[in-house]
Structure formats: structure tokens, C-alpha cells
C-alpha atoms as a PDB file:
ATOM      1  CA  MET A   1     -16.254  -4.347 -17.362  1.00  0.00           C
ATOM      2  CA  LEU A   2     -16.658  -6.128 -20.508  1.00  0.00           C
ATOM      3  CA  CYS A   3     -19.021  -9.512 -20.382  1.00  0.00           C
ATOM      4  CA  ILE A   4     -19.824 -10.887 -23.649  1.00  0.00           C
ATOM      5  CA  ASP A   5     -21.844 -14.008 -24.707  1.00  0.00           C
ATOM      6  CA  THR A   6     -20.489 -16.064 -27.732  1.00  0.00           C
ATOM      7  CA  SER A   7     -23.362 -14.961 -29.854  1.00  0.00           C
ATOM      8  CA  SER A   8     -22.457 -11.561 -29.731  1.00  0.00           C
ATOM      9  CA  PHE A   9     -18.732 -12.352 -30.059  1.00  0.00           C
ATOM     10  CA  ILE A  10     -19.406 -14.449 -33.244  1.00  0.00           C
ATOM     11  CA  ALA A  11     -21.486 -11.606 -34.667  1.00  0.00           C
ATOM     12  CA  TYR A  12     -18.651  -9.038 -33.823  1.00  0.00           C
ATOM     13  CA  LEU A  13     -15.970 -11.214 -35.673  1.00  0.00           C
ATOM     14  CA  GLN A  14     -18.249 -11.825 -38.533  1.00  0.00           C
ATOM     15  CA  GLY A  15     -18.512  -8.133 -38.972  1.00  0.00           C
ATOM     16  CA  ASP A  16     -22.273  -7.944 -38.138  1.00  0.00           C
ATOM     17  CA  LYS A  17     -23.971  -4.573 -37.111  1.00  0.00           C
ATOM     18  CA  GLY A  18     -25.945  -4.115 -33.937  1.00  0.00           C
ATOM     19  CA  LYS A  19     -25.995  -2.589 -30.452  1.00  0.00           C
ATOM     20  CA  ASP A  20     -24.238  -5.634 -28.764  1.00  0.00           C
ATOM     21  CA  VAL A  21     -21.533  -5.395 -31.343  1.00  0.00           C
ATOM     22  CA  GLU A  22     -20.858  -1.702 -31.210  1.00  0.00           C
ATOM     23  CA  LEU A  23     -20.676  -1.667 -27.342  1.00  0.00           C
ATOM     24  CA  ILE A  24     -17.441  -3.624 -27.539  1.00  0.00           C
ATOM     25  CA  THR A  25     -14.309  -1.322 -26.137  1.00  0.00           C
ATOM     26  CA  GLU A  26     -12.416   0.185 -28.955  1.00  0.00           C
ATOM     27  CA  GLY A  27      -9.342  -1.579 -29.613  1.00  0.00           C
ATOM     28  CA  TYR A  28     -10.021  -4.437 -27.085  1.00  0.00           C
ATOM     29  CA  TRP A  29      -9.394  -7.175 -29.367  1.00  0.00           C
ATOM     30  CA  GLU A  30      -6.436  -5.735 -30.849  1.00  0.00           C
ATOM     31  CA  ARG A  31      -4.758  -5.122 -27.463  1.00  0.00           C
ATOM     32  CA  THR A  32      -5.849  -8.714 -26.515  1.00  0.00           C
ATOM     33  CA  GLY A  33      -3.988 -10.193 -29.508  1.00  0.00           C
ATOM     34  CA  LEU A  34      -0.957  -8.094 -29.022  1.00  0.00           C
ATOM     35  CA  LEU A  35      -0.790  -9.290 -25.394  1.00  0.00           C
ATOM     36  CA  ARG A  36      -1.400 -12.950 -26.358  1.00  0.00           C
ATOM     37  CA  ALA A  37       1.453 -12.947 -28.915  1.00  0.00           C
ATOM     38  CA  LYS A  38       3.972 -11.056 -26.325  1.00  0.00           C
ATOM     39  CA  ILE A  39       3.297 -13.976 -24.163  1.00  0.00           C
ATOM     40  CA  LEU A  40       3.715 -16.514 -26.783  1.00  0.00           C
ATOM     41  CA  GLN A  41       6.716 -15.117 -28.178  1.00  0.00           C
ATOM     42  CA  GLN A  42       8.572 -15.389 -24.533  1.00  0.00           C
ATOM     43  CA  GLY A  43       7.830 -19.253 -24.800  1.00  0.00           C
ATOM     44  CA  TYR A  44       4.789 -19.104 -22.302  1.00  0.00           C
ATOM     45  CA  LYS A  45       1.300 -20.541 -22.946  1.00  0.00           C
ATOM     46  CA  ALA A  46      -1.529 -18.084 -23.229  1.00  0.00           C
ATOM     47  CA  ARG A  47      -4.951 -19.493 -23.657  1.00  0.00           C
ATOM     48  CA  LEU A  48      -7.221 -17.217 -25.561  1.00  0.00           C
ATOM     49  CA  ALA A  49      -9.944 -17.061 -22.754  1.00  0.00           C
ATOM     50  CA  ASP A  50      -7.125 -16.323 -20.087  1.00  0.00           C
ATOM     51  CA  THR A  51      -5.891 -13.513 -22.225  1.00  0.00           C
ATOM     52  CA  LEU A  52      -9.367 -11.997 -22.827  1.00  0.00           C
ATOM     53  CA  ILE A  53      -9.888 -12.234 -18.944  1.00  0.00           C
ATOM     54  CA  ALA A  54      -6.267 -10.359 -18.388  1.00  0.00           C
ATOM     55  CA  GLN A  55      -6.904  -7.743 -21.035  1.00  0.00           C
ATOM     56  CA  ASN A  56     -10.286  -6.688 -19.643  1.00  0.00           C
ATOM     57  CA  CYS A  57      -8.804  -6.344 -16.272  1.00  0.00           C
ATOM     58  CA  LEU A  58      -5.896  -4.447 -17.576  1.00  0.00           C
ATOM     59  CA  ASP A  59      -8.392  -2.228 -19.436  1.00  0.00           C
ATOM     60  CA  HIS A  60     -10.369  -1.547 -16.370  1.00  0.00           C
ATOM     61  CA  HIS A  61      -7.715  -1.473 -13.905  1.00  0.00           C
ATOM     62  CA  ALA A  62      -9.247  -4.211 -12.152  1.00  0.00           C
ATOM     63  CA  LEU A  63      -7.844  -6.699  -9.716  1.00  0.00           C
ATOM     64  CA  LEU A  64      -8.370 -10.483 -10.771  1.00  0.00           C
ATOM     65  CA  ILE A  65      -9.160 -12.804  -8.047  1.00  0.00           C
ATOM     66  CA  THR A  66      -8.222 -16.542  -9.238  1.00  0.00           C
ATOM     67  CA  ARG A  67      -6.698 -19.500  -8.083  1.00  0.00           C
ATOM     68  CA  ASP A  68      -5.236 -20.293 -11.827  1.00  0.00           C
ATOM     69  CA  LYS A  69      -1.557 -20.007 -11.684  1.00  0.00           C
ATOM     70  CA  ASP A  70      -1.541 -19.518 -15.426  1.00  0.00           C
ATOM     71  CA  PHE A  71      -2.337 -15.796 -14.744  1.00  0.00           C
ATOM     72  CA  LYS A  72       1.158 -15.205 -12.979  1.00  0.00           C
ATOM     73  CA  ILE A  73       2.780 -14.692 -16.482  1.00  0.00           C
ATOM     74  CA  TYR A  74       0.430 -11.957 -17.007  1.00  0.00           C
ATOM     75  CA  THR A  75       1.553  -9.956 -14.006  1.00  0.00           C
ATOM     76  CA  GLU A  76       5.172 -10.077 -15.297  1.00  0.00           C
ATOM     77  CA  ILE A  77       4.572  -9.095 -18.709  1.00  0.00           C
ATOM     78  CA  ALA A  78       1.596  -6.760 -18.500  1.00  0.00           C
ATOM     79  CA  GLY A  79       1.287  -5.667 -14.938  1.00  0.00           C
ATOM     80  CA  LEU A  80      -2.029  -7.338 -14.166  1.00  0.00           C
ATOM     81  CA  ARG A  81      -2.907  -7.266 -10.410  1.00  0.00           C
ATOM     82  CA  LEU A  82      -3.692 -10.554  -8.879  1.00  0.00           C
ATOM     83  CA  ALA A  83      -5.086 -11.707  -5.733  1.00  0.00           C
ATOM     84  CA  GLN A  84      -4.208 -15.442  -5.563  1.00  0.00           C
ATOM     85  CA  ALA A  85      -5.018 -18.190  -3.015  1.00  0.00           C
ATOM     86  CA  PRO A  86      -1.900 -19.855  -1.930  1.00  0.00           C
END
């Protein structure tokens, strides 16, 4: 599982060096961008935070437990596994 604080995320985006920046899963940001683009191209909303969460779950074959209906499109487009409350 990938958990990142904003300070490390900003450092990563700025190209800084450090153990925190180097721990980020290889290709994660590219896969996230491609997933978000795919969803947006089909006319659905894809908030960045939701896409980051979805991609992390996909990378680790993890079930996402949520009440947020916005994740449903990720199941249809990317195969995200959800456990949603009714």
C-alpha cells in the first residue's frame, strides 16, 4: 500500500531527491494519469484524489471499502474491486 504525505508528494513533483521520493512505486503516477484520462475521455468525472486511491488499490489488488458512489466508474473501466454500502 502507498501512503504519502503532501510534503513528500510535492518534493516528488519538484524532482527532489531523498528516500521518501525514491520509495514511490515505479510508474504509479503515469498509470494514475492514464487511468484518469481514460475516465475523463468517456465523459465521467475523475477527481485526482479518487484516481490516486483507485490506482493504489489496483496496483496492490486491494478491495476498496467506500460509501462514495464516484468509485463505481473505476470498477467498470479498470476493474477496481469495491465493497460499498447500499
